[in-house]
Amino acid sequence: MTVAVALTQVGERERIGRLMETTTRLAMTSTYVTGGVPVTPAMLGLSRIDKIVSITPVGTSVAPLLGQWDPVNSKIMLIETAGTVDLPLKELSSGATVANSIDVVARGQG
């Protein structure tokens, strides 16, 4: 089972040169699958993703997760931030419960 994702466009689409820039909030629930959350261009309001500009955690009551874009597989891997400062960051474990939101700023063809 993959993570269930609710999508909300945040703000307006903006033209940056020949590309469109969108900000989309991904509210994730369910259990995480190793390798990441699949993201399609349509989910971000684009026809093609050229670049993920930023992935920002949105405040929640659970430990914040960082997002790392995997352009080859078109997925956002979730990275754990909990723990002591001297532990390396690592991908969230498969089967872990996810109840976080992230804002994804993407550029691509609109």
PDB file of N, CA and C in Angstrom:
ATOM      1  N   MET A   1       0.850  -1.183   0.000  1.00  0.00           N
ATOM      2  CA  MET A   1       0.000   0.000   0.000  1.00  0.00           C
ATOM      3  C   MET A   1       0.889   1.237   0.000  1.00  0.00           C
ATOM      4  N   THR A   2       0.537   2.179  -0.812  1.00  0.00           N
ATOM      5  CA  THR A   2       1.316   3.415  -0.897  1.00  0.00           C
ATOM      6  C   THR A   2       0.676   4.487  -0.024  1.00  0.00           C
ATOM      7  N   VAL A   3       1.399   5.556   0.204  1.00  0.00           N
ATOM      8  CA  VAL A   3       0.910   6.662   1.011  1.00  0.00           C
ATOM      9  C   VAL A   3      -0.239   7.358   0.283  1.00  0.00           C
ATOM     10  N   ALA A   4      -1.332   7.614   0.991  1.00  0.00           N
ATOM     11  CA  ALA A   4      -2.436   8.390   0.425  1.00  0.00           C
ATOM     12  C   ALA A   4      -2.050   9.865   0.497  1.00  0.00           C
ATOM     13  N   VAL A   5      -2.316  10.587  -0.591  1.00  0.00           N
ATOM     14  CA  VAL A   5      -1.906  11.988  -0.672  1.00  0.00           C
ATOM     15  C   VAL A   5      -3.096  12.849  -1.067  1.00  0.00           C
ATOM     16  N   ALA A   6      -3.366  13.889  -0.265  1.00  0.00           N
ATOM     17  CA  ALA A   6      -4.359  14.904  -0.624  1.00  0.00           C
ATOM     18  C   ALA A   6      -3.594  16.123  -1.118  1.00  0.00           C
ATOM     19  N   LEU A   7      -4.040  16.689  -2.241  1.00  0.00           N
ATOM     20  CA  LEU A   7      -3.316  17.793  -2.885  1.00  0.00           C
ATOM     21  C   LEU A   7      -4.067  19.094  -2.743  1.00  0.00           C
ATOM     22  N   THR A   8      -3.327  20.179  -2.457  1.00  0.00           N
ATOM     23  CA  THR A   8      -3.895  21.520  -2.412  1.00  0.00           C
ATOM     24  C   THR A   8      -2.910  22.470  -3.075  1.00  0.00           C
ATOM     25  N   GLN A   9      -3.386  23.232  -4.068  1.00  0.00           N
ATOM     26  CA  GLN A   9      -2.519  24.247  -4.667  1.00  0.00           C
ATOM     27  C   GLN A   9      -2.397  25.402  -3.682  1.00  0.00           C
ATOM     28  N   VAL A  10      -1.170  25.855  -3.454  1.00  0.00           N
ATOM     29  CA  VAL A  10      -0.897  26.948  -2.528  1.00  0.00           C
ATOM     30  C   VAL A  10      -0.491  28.160  -3.367  1.00  0.00           C
ATOM     31  N   GLY A  11      -1.285  29.214  -3.329  1.00  0.00           N
ATOM     32  CA  GLY A  11      -0.969  30.407  -4.114  1.00  0.00           C
ATOM     33  C   GLY A  11      -1.275  30.213  -5.584  1.00  0.00           C
ATOM     34  N   GLU A  12      -0.765  31.129  -6.380  1.00  0.00           N
ATOM     35  CA  GLU A  12      -1.023  31.139  -7.815  1.00  0.00           C
ATOM     36  C   GLU A  12       0.145  30.524  -8.581  1.00  0.00           C
ATOM     37  N   ARG A  13      -0.158  29.982  -9.747  1.00  0.00           N
ATOM     38  CA  ARG A  13       0.906  29.545 -10.658  1.00  0.00           C
ATOM     39  C   ARG A  13       1.621  30.791 -11.167  1.00  0.00           C
ATOM     40  N   GLU A  14       2.932  30.686 -11.326  1.00  0.00           N
ATOM     41  CA  GLU A  14       3.713  31.853 -11.748  1.00  0.00           C
ATOM     42  C   GLU A  14       4.628  31.462 -12.896  1.00  0.00           C
ATOM     43  N   ARG A  15       4.716  32.322 -13.905  1.00  0.00           N
ATOM     44  CA  ARG A  15       5.605  32.064 -15.033  1.00  0.00           C
ATOM     45  C   ARG A  15       7.001  32.564 -14.671  1.00  0.00           C
ATOM     46  N   ILE A  16       7.991  31.670 -14.817  1.00  0.00           N
ATOM     47  CA  ILE A  16       9.401  31.991 -14.600  1.00  0.00           C
ATOM     48  C   ILE A  16      10.103  31.696 -15.927  1.00  0.00           C
ATOM     49  N   GLY A  17      10.331  32.727 -16.725  1.00  0.00           N
ATOM     50  CA  GLY A  17      10.894  32.506 -18.064  1.00  0.00           C
ATOM     51  C   GLY A  17       9.914  31.700 -18.898  1.00  0.00           C
ATOM     52  N   ARG A  18      10.376  30.561 -19.437  1.00  0.00           N
ATOM     53  CA  ARG A  18       9.504  29.698 -20.239  1.00  0.00           C
ATOM     54  C   ARG A  18       8.797  28.640 -19.396  1.00  0.00           C
ATOM     55  N   LEU A  19       9.077  28.604 -18.104  1.00  0.00           N
ATOM     56  CA  LEU A  19       8.520  27.568 -17.235  1.00  0.00           C
ATOM     57  C   LEU A  19       7.431  28.127 -16.318  1.00  0.00           C
ATOM     58  N   MET A  20       6.578  27.249 -15.855  1.00  0.00           N
ATOM     59  CA  MET A  20       5.590  27.590 -14.833  1.00  0.00           C
ATOM     60  C   MET A  20       6.116  27.103 -13.486  1.00  0.00           C
ATOM     61  N   GLU A  21       5.851  27.877 -12.438  1.00  0.00           N
ATOM     62  CA  GLU A  21       6.216  27.465 -11.089  1.00  0.00           C
ATOM     63  C   GLU A  21       4.937  27.304 -10.285  1.00  0.00           C
ATOM     64  N   THR A  22       4.822  26.183  -9.603  1.00  0.00           N
ATOM     65  CA  THR A  22       3.654  25.914  -8.773  1.00  0.00           C
ATOM     66  C   THR A  22       4.104  25.526  -7.375  1.00  0.00           C
ATOM     67  N   THR A  23       3.242  25.794  -6.401  1.00  0.00           N
ATOM     68  CA  THR A  23       3.461  25.306  -5.041  1.00  0.00           C
ATOM     69  C   THR A  23       2.259  24.458  -4.684  1.00  0.00           C
ATOM     70  N   THR A  24       2.514  23.213  -4.317  1.00  0.00           N
ATOM     71  CA  THR A  24       1.454  22.261  -4.001  1.00  0.00           C
ATOM     72  C   THR A  24       1.710  21.660  -2.633  1.00  0.00           C
ATOM     73  N   ARG A  25       0.683  21.643  -1.797  1.00  0.00           N
ATOM     74  CA  ARG A  25       0.787  20.990  -0.486  1.00  0.00           C
ATOM     75  C   ARG A  25       0.359  19.538  -0.629  1.00  0.00           C
ATOM     76  N   LEU A  26       1.238  18.636  -0.231  1.00  0.00           N
ATOM     77  CA  LEU A  26       0.942  17.217  -0.220  1.00  0.00           C
ATOM     78  C   LEU A  26       0.699  16.817   1.223  1.00  0.00           C
ATOM     79  N   ALA A  27      -0.554  16.523   1.553  1.00  0.00           N
ATOM     80  CA  ALA A  27      -0.913  16.043   2.897  1.00  0.00           C
ATOM     81  C   ALA A  27      -0.951  14.524   2.820  1.00  0.00           C
ATOM     82  N   MET A  28      -0.027  13.883   3.506  1.00  0.00           N
ATOM     83  CA  MET A  28       0.145  12.437   3.383  1.00  0.00           C
ATOM     84  C   MET A  28      -0.406  11.706   4.602  1.00  0.00           C
ATOM     85  N   THR A  29      -1.092  10.613   4.341  1.00  0.00           N
ATOM     86  CA  THR A  29      -1.581   9.745   5.407  1.00  0.00           C
ATOM     87  C   THR A  29      -1.402   8.299   4.966  1.00  0.00           C
ATOM     88  N   SER A  30      -1.390   7.399   5.882  1.00  0.00           N
ATOM     89  CA  SER A  30      -1.280   5.968   5.612  1.00  0.00           C
ATOM     90  C   SER A  30       0.114   5.483   5.987  1.00  0.00           C
ATOM     91  N   THR A  31       0.599   4.449   5.302  1.00  0.00           N
ATOM     92  CA  THR A  31       1.915   3.897   5.609  1.00  0.00           C
ATOM     93  C   THR A  31       2.879   4.160   4.462  1.00  0.00           C
ATOM     94  N   TYR A  32       4.124   4.374   4.821  1.00  0.00           N
ATOM     95  CA  TYR A  32       5.167   4.717   3.853  1.00  0.00           C
ATOM     96  C   TYR A  32       5.719   3.453   3.202  1.00  0.00           C
ATOM     97  N   VAL A  33       6.042   3.546   1.926  1.00  0.00           N
ATOM     98  CA  VAL A  33       6.677   2.463   1.188  1.00  0.00           C
ATOM     99  C   VAL A  33       8.088   2.921   0.820  1.00  0.00           C
ATOM    100  N   THR A  34       9.085   2.086   1.110  1.00  0.00           N
ATOM    101  CA  THR A  34      10.475   2.425   0.790  1.00  0.00           C
ATOM    102  C   THR A  34      10.594   2.833  -0.670  1.00  0.00           C
ATOM    103  N   GLY A  35      11.363   3.878  -0.912  1.00  0.00           N
ATOM    104  CA  GLY A  35      11.578   4.371  -2.266  1.00  0.00           C
ATOM    105  C   GLY A  35      10.882   5.684  -2.526  1.00  0.00           C
ATOM    106  N   GLY A  36       9.832   5.983  -1.740  1.00  0.00           N
ATOM    107  CA  GLY A  36       9.230   7.297  -1.841  1.00  0.00           C
ATOM    108  C   GLY A  36       7.792   7.331  -2.294  1.00  0.00           C
ATOM    109  N   VAL A  37       7.261   8.544  -2.273  1.00  0.00           N
ATOM    110  CA  VAL A  37       5.882   8.835  -2.646  1.00  0.00           C
ATOM    111  C   VAL A  37       5.879   9.209  -4.131  1.00  0.00           C
ATOM    112  N   PRO A  38       5.163   8.459  -4.978  1.00  0.00           N
ATOM    113  CA  PRO A  38       5.117   8.803  -6.400  1.00  0.00           C
ATOM    114  C   PRO A  38       4.480  10.178  -6.618  1.00  0.00           C
ATOM    115  N   VAL A  39       5.105  10.981  -7.469  1.00  0.00           N
ATOM    116  CA  VAL A  39       4.592  12.315  -7.787  1.00  0.00           C
ATOM    117  C   VAL A  39       4.568  12.462  -9.308  1.00  0.00           C
ATOM    118  N   THR A  40       3.399  12.760  -9.848  1.00  0.00           N
ATOM    119  CA  THR A  40       3.268  12.973 -11.290  1.00  0.00           C
ATOM    120  C   THR A  40       3.238  14.471 -11.574  1.00  0.00           C
ATOM    121  N   PRO A  41       3.572  14.876 -12.794  1.00  0.00           N
ATOM    122  CA  PRO A  41       3.467  16.294 -13.141  1.00  0.00           C
ATOM    123  C   PRO A  41       2.051  16.837 -12.897  1.00  0.00           C
ATOM    124  N   ALA A  42       1.027  16.052 -13.236  1.00  0.00           N
ATOM    125  CA  ALA A  42      -0.353  16.501 -13.062  1.00  0.00           C
ATOM    126  C   ALA A  42      -0.668  16.808 -11.599  1.00  0.00           C
ATOM    127  N   MET A  43      -0.071  16.062 -10.667  1.00  0.00           N
ATOM    128  CA  MET A  43      -0.294  16.319  -9.239  1.00  0.00           C
ATOM    129  C   MET A  43       0.181  17.714  -8.855  1.00  0.00           C
ATOM    130  N   LEU A  44       1.188  18.217  -9.571  1.00  0.00           N
ATOM    131  CA  LEU A  44       1.774  19.520  -9.268  1.00  0.00           C
ATOM    132  C   LEU A  44       1.275  20.608 -10.213  1.00  0.00           C
ATOM    133  N   GLY A  45       0.272  20.283 -11.018  1.00  0.00           N
ATOM    134  CA  GLY A  45      -0.302  21.270 -11.930  1.00  0.00           C
ATOM    135  C   GLY A  45       0.556  21.541 -13.150  1.00  0.00           C
ATOM    136  N   LEU A  46       1.366  20.570 -13.544  1.00  0.00           N
ATOM    137  CA  LEU A  46       2.278  20.725 -14.679  1.00  0.00           C
ATOM    138  C   LEU A  46       2.075  19.579 -15.666  1.00  0.00           C
ATOM    139  N   SER A  47       2.599  19.751 -16.872  1.00  0.00           N
ATOM    140  CA  SER A  47       2.590  18.650 -17.834  1.00  0.00           C
ATOM    141  C   SER A  47       3.941  17.927 -17.851  1.00  0.00           C
ATOM    142  N   ARG A  48       4.983  18.592 -17.314  1.00  0.00           N
ATOM    143  CA  ARG A  48       6.311  17.995 -17.187  1.00  0.00           C
ATOM    144  C   ARG A  48       7.040  18.677 -16.044  1.00  0.00           C
ATOM    145  N   ILE A  49       7.710  17.899 -15.202  1.00  0.00           N
ATOM    146  CA  ILE A  49       8.515  18.456 -14.110  1.00  0.00           C
ATOM    147  C   ILE A  49       9.944  18.616 -14.606  1.00  0.00           C
ATOM    148  N   ASP A  50      10.438  19.856 -14.613  1.00  0.00           N
ATOM    149  CA  ASP A  50      11.831  20.106 -14.971  1.00  0.00           C
ATOM    150  C   ASP A  50      12.716  20.215 -13.733  1.00  0.00           C
ATOM    151  N   LYS A  51      12.142  20.715 -12.635  1.00  0.00           N
ATOM    152  CA  LYS A  51      12.952  20.934 -11.435  1.00  0.00           C
ATOM    153  C   LYS A  51      12.042  21.031 -10.219  1.00  0.00           C
ATOM    154  N   ILE A  52      12.463  20.399  -9.141  1.00  0.00           N
ATOM    155  CA  ILE A  52      11.835  20.627  -7.843  1.00  0.00           C
ATOM    156  C   ILE A  52      12.705  21.665  -7.143  1.00  0.00           C
ATOM    157  N   VAL A  53      12.140  22.842  -6.903  1.00  0.00           N
ATOM    158  CA  VAL A  53      12.889  23.955  -6.335  1.00  0.00           C
ATOM    159  C   VAL A  53      13.088  23.759  -4.840  1.00  0.00           C
ATOM    160  N   SER A  54      12.020  23.349  -4.146  1.00  0.00           N
ATOM    161  CA  SER A  54      12.131  23.123  -2.703  1.00  0.00           C
ATOM    162  C   SER A  54      11.037  22.177  -2.222  1.00  0.00           C
ATOM    163  N   ILE A  55      11.338  21.509  -1.116  1.00  0.00           N
ATOM    164  CA  ILE A  55      10.387  20.655  -0.415  1.00  0.00           C
ATOM    165  C   ILE A  55      10.464  21.078   1.050  1.00  0.00           C
ATOM    166  N   THR A  56       9.363  21.670   1.545  1.00  0.00           N
ATOM    167  CA  THR A  56       9.365  22.243   2.880  1.00  0.00           C
ATOM    168  C   THR A  56       8.347  21.543   3.770  1.00  0.00           C
ATOM    169  N   PRO A  57       8.765  21.043   4.941  1.00  0.00           N
ATOM    170  CA  PRO A  57       7.787  20.449   5.860  1.00  0.00           C
ATOM    171  C   PRO A  57       6.825  21.512   6.365  1.00  0.00           C
ATOM    172  N   VAL A  58       5.566  21.146   6.521  1.00  0.00           N
ATOM    173  CA  VAL A  58       4.543  22.034   7.069  1.00  0.00           C
ATOM    174  C   VAL A  58       4.297  21.575   8.497  1.00  0.00           C
ATOM    175  N   GLY A  59       4.174  22.532   9.427  1.00  0.00           N
ATOM    176  CA  GLY A  59       4.035  22.212  10.850  1.00  0.00           C
ATOM    177  C   GLY A  59       2.965  21.178  11.144  1.00  0.00           C
ATOM    178  N   THR A  60       3.353  20.156  11.879  1.00  0.00           N
ATOM    179  CA  THR A  60       2.427  19.124  12.328  1.00  0.00           C
ATOM    180  C   THR A  60       2.782  18.765  13.758  1.00  0.00           C
ATOM    181  N   SER A  61       1.954  17.938  14.366  1.00  0.00           N
ATOM    182  CA  SER A  61       2.225  17.529  15.743  1.00  0.00           C
ATOM    183  C   SER A  61       3.194  16.361  15.810  1.00  0.00           C
ATOM    184  N   VAL A  62       3.480  15.739  14.669  1.00  0.00           N
ATOM    185  CA  VAL A  62       4.436  14.636  14.663  1.00  0.00           C
ATOM    186  C   VAL A  62       5.795  15.151  14.208  1.00  0.00           C
ATOM    187  N   ALA A  63       6.831  14.340  14.365  1.00  0.00           N
ATOM    188  CA  ALA A  63       8.179  14.763  13.987  1.00  0.00           C
ATOM    189  C   ALA A  63       8.214  15.153  12.518  1.00  0.00           C
ATOM    190  N   PRO A  64       8.799  16.305  12.198  1.00  0.00           N
ATOM    191  CA  PRO A  64       8.846  16.725  10.795  1.00  0.00           C
ATOM    192  C   PRO A  64       9.726  15.786   9.975  1.00  0.00           C
ATOM    193  N   LEU A  65       9.367  15.630   8.719  1.00  0.00           N
ATOM    194  CA  LEU A  65      10.144  14.826   7.793  1.00  0.00           C
ATOM    195  C   LEU A  65      10.671  15.736   6.690  1.00  0.00           C
ATOM    196  N   LEU A  66      11.881  15.475   6.263  1.00  0.00           N
ATOM    197  CA  LEU A  66      12.424  16.175   5.113  1.00  0.00           C
ATOM    198  C   LEU A  66      12.055  15.394   3.865  1.00  0.00           C
ATOM    199  N   GLY A  67      12.007  16.073   2.749  1.00  0.00           N
ATOM    200  CA  GLY A  67      11.739  15.404   1.486  1.00  0.00           C
ATOM    201  C   GLY A  67      12.937  15.507   0.576  1.00  0.00           C
ATOM    202  N   GLN A  68      13.220  14.434  -0.146  1.00  0.00           N
ATOM    203  CA  GLN A  68      14.311  14.432  -1.111  1.00  0.00           C
ATOM    204  C   GLN A  68      13.752  13.964  -2.445  1.00  0.00           C
ATOM    205  N   TRP A  69      13.922  14.778  -3.495  1.00  0.00           N
ATOM    206  CA  TRP A  69      13.390  14.478  -4.811  1.00  0.00           C
ATOM    207  C   TRP A  69      14.250  13.436  -5.526  1.00  0.00           C
ATOM    208  N   ASP A  70      13.609  12.424  -6.061  1.00  0.00           N
ATOM    209  CA  ASP A  70      14.259  11.404  -6.884  1.00  0.00           C
ATOM    210  C   ASP A  70      13.739  11.584  -8.313  1.00  0.00           C
ATOM    211  N   PRO A  71      14.470  12.346  -9.156  1.00  0.00           N
ATOM    212  CA  PRO A  71      13.966  12.646 -10.499  1.00  0.00           C
ATOM    213  C   PRO A  71      13.891  11.433 -11.412  1.00  0.00           C
ATOM    214  N   VAL A  72      14.726  10.434 -11.193  1.00  0.00           N
ATOM    215  CA  VAL A  72      14.733   9.247 -12.041  1.00  0.00           C
ATOM    216  C   VAL A  72      13.424   8.478 -11.898  1.00  0.00           C
ATOM    217  N   ASN A  73      12.943   8.341 -10.659  1.00  0.00           N
ATOM    218  CA  ASN A  73      11.721   7.579 -10.391  1.00  0.00           C
ATOM    219  C   ASN A  73      10.505   8.460 -10.157  1.00  0.00           C
ATOM    220  N   SER A  74      10.684   9.773 -10.208  1.00  0.00           N
ATOM    221  CA  SER A  74       9.616  10.749  -9.968  1.00  0.00           C
ATOM    222  C   SER A  74       8.922  10.486  -8.633  1.00  0.00           C
ATOM    223  N   LYS A  75       9.744  10.442  -7.585  1.00  0.00           N
ATOM    224  CA  LYS A  75       9.243  10.194  -6.232  1.00  0.00           C
ATOM    225  C   LYS A  75       9.894  11.154  -5.249  1.00  0.00           C
ATOM    226  N   ILE A  76       9.182  11.409  -4.152  1.00  0.00           N
ATOM    227  CA  ILE A  76       9.749  12.158  -3.035  1.00  0.00           C
ATOM    228  C   ILE A  76      10.001  11.168  -1.908  1.00  0.00           C
ATOM    229  N   MET A  77      11.281  10.986  -1.585  1.00  0.00           N
ATOM    230  CA  MET A  77      11.636  10.123  -0.464  1.00  0.00           C
ATOM    231  C   MET A  77      11.529  10.939   0.809  1.00  0.00           C
ATOM    232  N   LEU A  78      10.976  10.341   1.843  1.00  0.00           N
ATOM    233  CA  LEU A  78      10.840  11.014   3.124  1.00  0.00           C
ATOM    234  C   LEU A  78      12.001  10.623   4.025  1.00  0.00           C
ATOM    235  N   ILE A  79      12.642  11.636   4.608  1.00  0.00           N
ATOM    236  CA  ILE A  79      13.843  11.455   5.416  1.00  0.00           C
ATOM    237  C   ILE A  79      13.516  11.806   6.868  1.00  0.00           C
ATOM    238  N   GLU A  80      13.854  10.904   7.787  1.00  0.00           N
ATOM    239  CA  GLU A  80      13.604  11.131   9.209  1.00  0.00           C
ATOM    240  C   GLU A  80      14.549  12.176   9.769  1.00  0.00           C
ATOM    241  N   THR A  81      14.009  13.050  10.639  1.00  0.00           N
ATOM    242  CA  THR A  81      14.845  14.057  11.289  1.00  0.00           C
ATOM    243  C   THR A  81      14.917  13.853  12.793  1.00  0.00           C
ATOM    244  N   ALA A  82      14.140  12.918  13.316  1.00  0.00           N
ATOM    245  CA  ALA A  82      14.130  12.683  14.763  1.00  0.00           C
ATOM    246  C   ALA A  82      15.413  11.982  15.182  1.00  0.00           C
ATOM    247  N   GLY A  83      15.791  12.153  16.436  1.00  0.00           N
ATOM    248  CA  GLY A  83      16.991  11.508  16.946  1.00  0.00           C
ATOM    249  C   GLY A  83      18.018  12.533  17.375  1.00  0.00           C
ATOM    250  N   THR A  84      19.168  12.054  17.778  1.00  0.00           N
ATOM    251  CA  THR A  84      20.212  12.967  18.226  1.00  0.00           C
ATOM    252  C   THR A  84      20.937  13.559  17.027  1.00  0.00           C
ATOM    253  N   VAL A  85      21.599  14.663  17.246  1.00  0.00           N
ATOM    254  CA  VAL A  85      22.243  15.388  16.148  1.00  0.00           C
ATOM    255  C   VAL A  85      23.382  14.615  15.499  1.00  0.00           C
ATOM    256  N   ASP A  86      23.955  13.636  16.189  1.00  0.00           N
ATOM    257  CA  ASP A  86      25.087  12.922  15.609  1.00  0.00           C
ATOM    258  C   ASP A  86      24.672  11.650  14.871  1.00  0.00           C
ATOM    259  N   LEU A  87      23.354  11.403  14.720  1.00  0.00           N
ATOM    260  CA  LEU A  87      22.906  10.267  13.922  1.00  0.00           C
ATOM    261  C   LEU A  87      22.717  10.720  12.482  1.00  0.00           C
ATOM    262  N   PRO A  88      23.077   9.867  11.515  1.00  0.00           N
ATOM    263  CA  PRO A  88      22.866  10.260  10.114  1.00  0.00           C
ATOM    264  C   PRO A  88      21.378  10.262   9.771  1.00  0.00           C
ATOM    265  N   LEU A  89      21.004  11.132   8.836  1.00  0.00           N
ATOM    266  CA  LEU A  89      19.631  11.123   8.354  1.00  0.00           C
ATOM    267  C   LEU A  89      19.420   9.865   7.536  1.00  0.00           C
ATOM    268  N   LYS A  90      18.198   9.326   7.573  1.00  0.00           N
ATOM    269  CA  LYS A  90      17.923   8.117   6.798  1.00  0.00           C
ATOM    270  C   LYS A  90      16.487   8.145   6.304  1.00  0.00           C
ATOM    271  N   GLU A  91      16.245   7.367   5.260  1.00  0.00           N
ATOM    272  CA  GLU A  91      14.902   7.280   4.709  1.00  0.00           C
ATOM    273  C   GLU A  91      13.974   6.664   5.747  1.00  0.00           C
ATOM    274  N   LEU A  92      12.749   7.159   5.772  1.00  0.00           N
ATOM    275  CA  LEU A  92      11.725   6.622   6.656  1.00  0.00           C
ATOM    276  C   LEU A  92      11.567   5.134   6.386  1.00  0.00           C
ATOM    277  N   SER A  93      11.348   4.354   7.421  1.00  0.00           N
ATOM    278  CA  SER A  93      11.208   2.905   7.276  1.00  0.00           C
ATOM    279  C   SER A  93       9.917   2.543   6.569  1.00  0.00           C
ATOM    280  N   SER A  94       9.987   1.515   5.740  1.00  0.00           N
ATOM    281  CA  SER A  94       8.793   1.012   5.066  1.00  0.00           C
ATOM    282  C   SER A  94       7.792   0.543   6.109  1.00  0.00           C
ATOM    283  N   GLY A  95       6.529   0.918   5.933  1.00  0.00           N
ATOM    284  CA  GLY A  95       5.483   0.541   6.868  1.00  0.00           C
ATOM    285  C   GLY A  95       5.257   1.554   7.970  1.00  0.00           C
ATOM    286  N   ALA A  96       6.135   2.575   8.042  1.00  0.00           N
ATOM    287  CA  ALA A  96       5.960   3.608   9.069  1.00  0.00           C
ATOM    288  C   ALA A  96       4.696   4.419   8.765  1.00  0.00           C
ATOM    289  N   THR A  97       3.995   4.798   9.818  1.00  0.00           N
ATOM    290  CA  THR A  97       2.799   5.613   9.653  1.00  0.00           C
ATOM    291  C   THR A  97       3.205   7.040   9.313  1.00  0.00           C
ATOM    292  N   VAL A  98       2.543   7.593   8.302  1.00  0.00           N
ATOM    293  CA  VAL A  98       2.845   8.949   7.851  1.00  0.00           C
ATOM    294  C   VAL A  98       1.602   9.815   8.029  1.00  0.00           C
ATOM    295  N   ALA A  99       1.772  10.955   8.689  1.00  0.00           N
ATOM    296  CA  ALA A  99       0.687  11.933   8.854  1.00  0.00           C
ATOM    297  C   ALA A  99       1.302  13.323   8.791  1.00  0.00           C
ATOM    298  N   ASN A 100       2.000  13.596   7.697  1.00  0.00           N
ATOM    299  CA  ASN A 100       2.719  14.846   7.538  1.00  0.00           C
ATOM    300  C   ASN A 100       2.291  15.552   6.261  1.00  0.00           C
ATOM    301  N   SER A 101       2.580  16.848   6.208  1.00  0.00           N
ATOM    302  CA  SER A 101       2.356  17.627   4.994  1.00  0.00           C
ATOM    303  C   SER A 101       3.663  18.287   4.586  1.00  0.00           C
ATOM    304  N   ILE A 102       3.860  18.384   3.271  1.00  0.00           N
ATOM    305  CA  ILE A 102       5.013  19.087   2.729  1.00  0.00           C
ATOM    306  C   ILE A 102       4.530  19.993   1.600  1.00  0.00           C
ATOM    307  N   ASP A 103       5.186  21.142   1.454  1.00  0.00           N
ATOM    308  CA  ASP A 103       4.933  22.028   0.333  1.00  0.00           C
ATOM    309  C   ASP A 103       6.031  21.794  -0.691  1.00  0.00           C
ATOM    310  N   VAL A 104       5.610  21.518  -1.918  1.00  0.00           N
ATOM    311  CA  VAL A 104       6.544  21.235  -3.007  1.00  0.00           C
ATOM    312  C   VAL A 104       6.451  22.369  -4.023  1.00  0.00           C
ATOM    313  N   VAL A 105       7.577  23.059  -4.240  1.00  0.00           N
ATOM    314  CA  VAL A 105       7.659  24.092  -5.269  1.00  0.00           C
ATOM    315  C   VAL A 105       8.334  23.443  -6.468  1.00  0.00           C
ATOM    316  N   ALA A 106       7.612  23.440  -7.600  1.00  0.00           N
ATOM    317  CA  ALA A 106       8.111  22.767  -8.800  1.00  0.00           C
ATOM    318  C   ALA A 106       8.072  23.718  -9.986  1.00  0.00           C
ATOM    319  N   ARG A 107       9.013  23.503 -10.914  1.00  0.00           N
ATOM    320  CA  ARG A 107       9.021  24.250 -12.176  1.00  0.00           C
ATOM    321  C   ARG A 107       8.972  23.252 -13.315  1.00  0.00           C
ATOM    322  N   GLY A 108       8.238  23.626 -14.341  1.00  0.00           N
ATOM    323  CA  GLY A 108       8.157  22.756 -15.509  1.00  0.00           C
ATOM    324  C   GLY A 108       7.227  23.332 -16.543  1.00  0.00           C
ATOM    325  N   GLN A 109       6.877  22.500 -17.503  1.00  0.00           N
ATOM    326  CA  GLN A 109       5.953  22.909 -18.550  1.00  0.00           C
ATOM    327  C   GLN A 109       4.543  22.897 -17.995  1.00  0.00           C
ATOM    328  N   GLY A 110       3.804  23.974 -18.272  1.00  0.00           N
ATOM    329  CA  GLY A 110       2.464  24.110 -17.727  1.00  0.00           C
ATOM    330  C   GLY A 110       1.438  23.650 -18.695  1.00  0.00           C
TER     331      GLY A 110
END
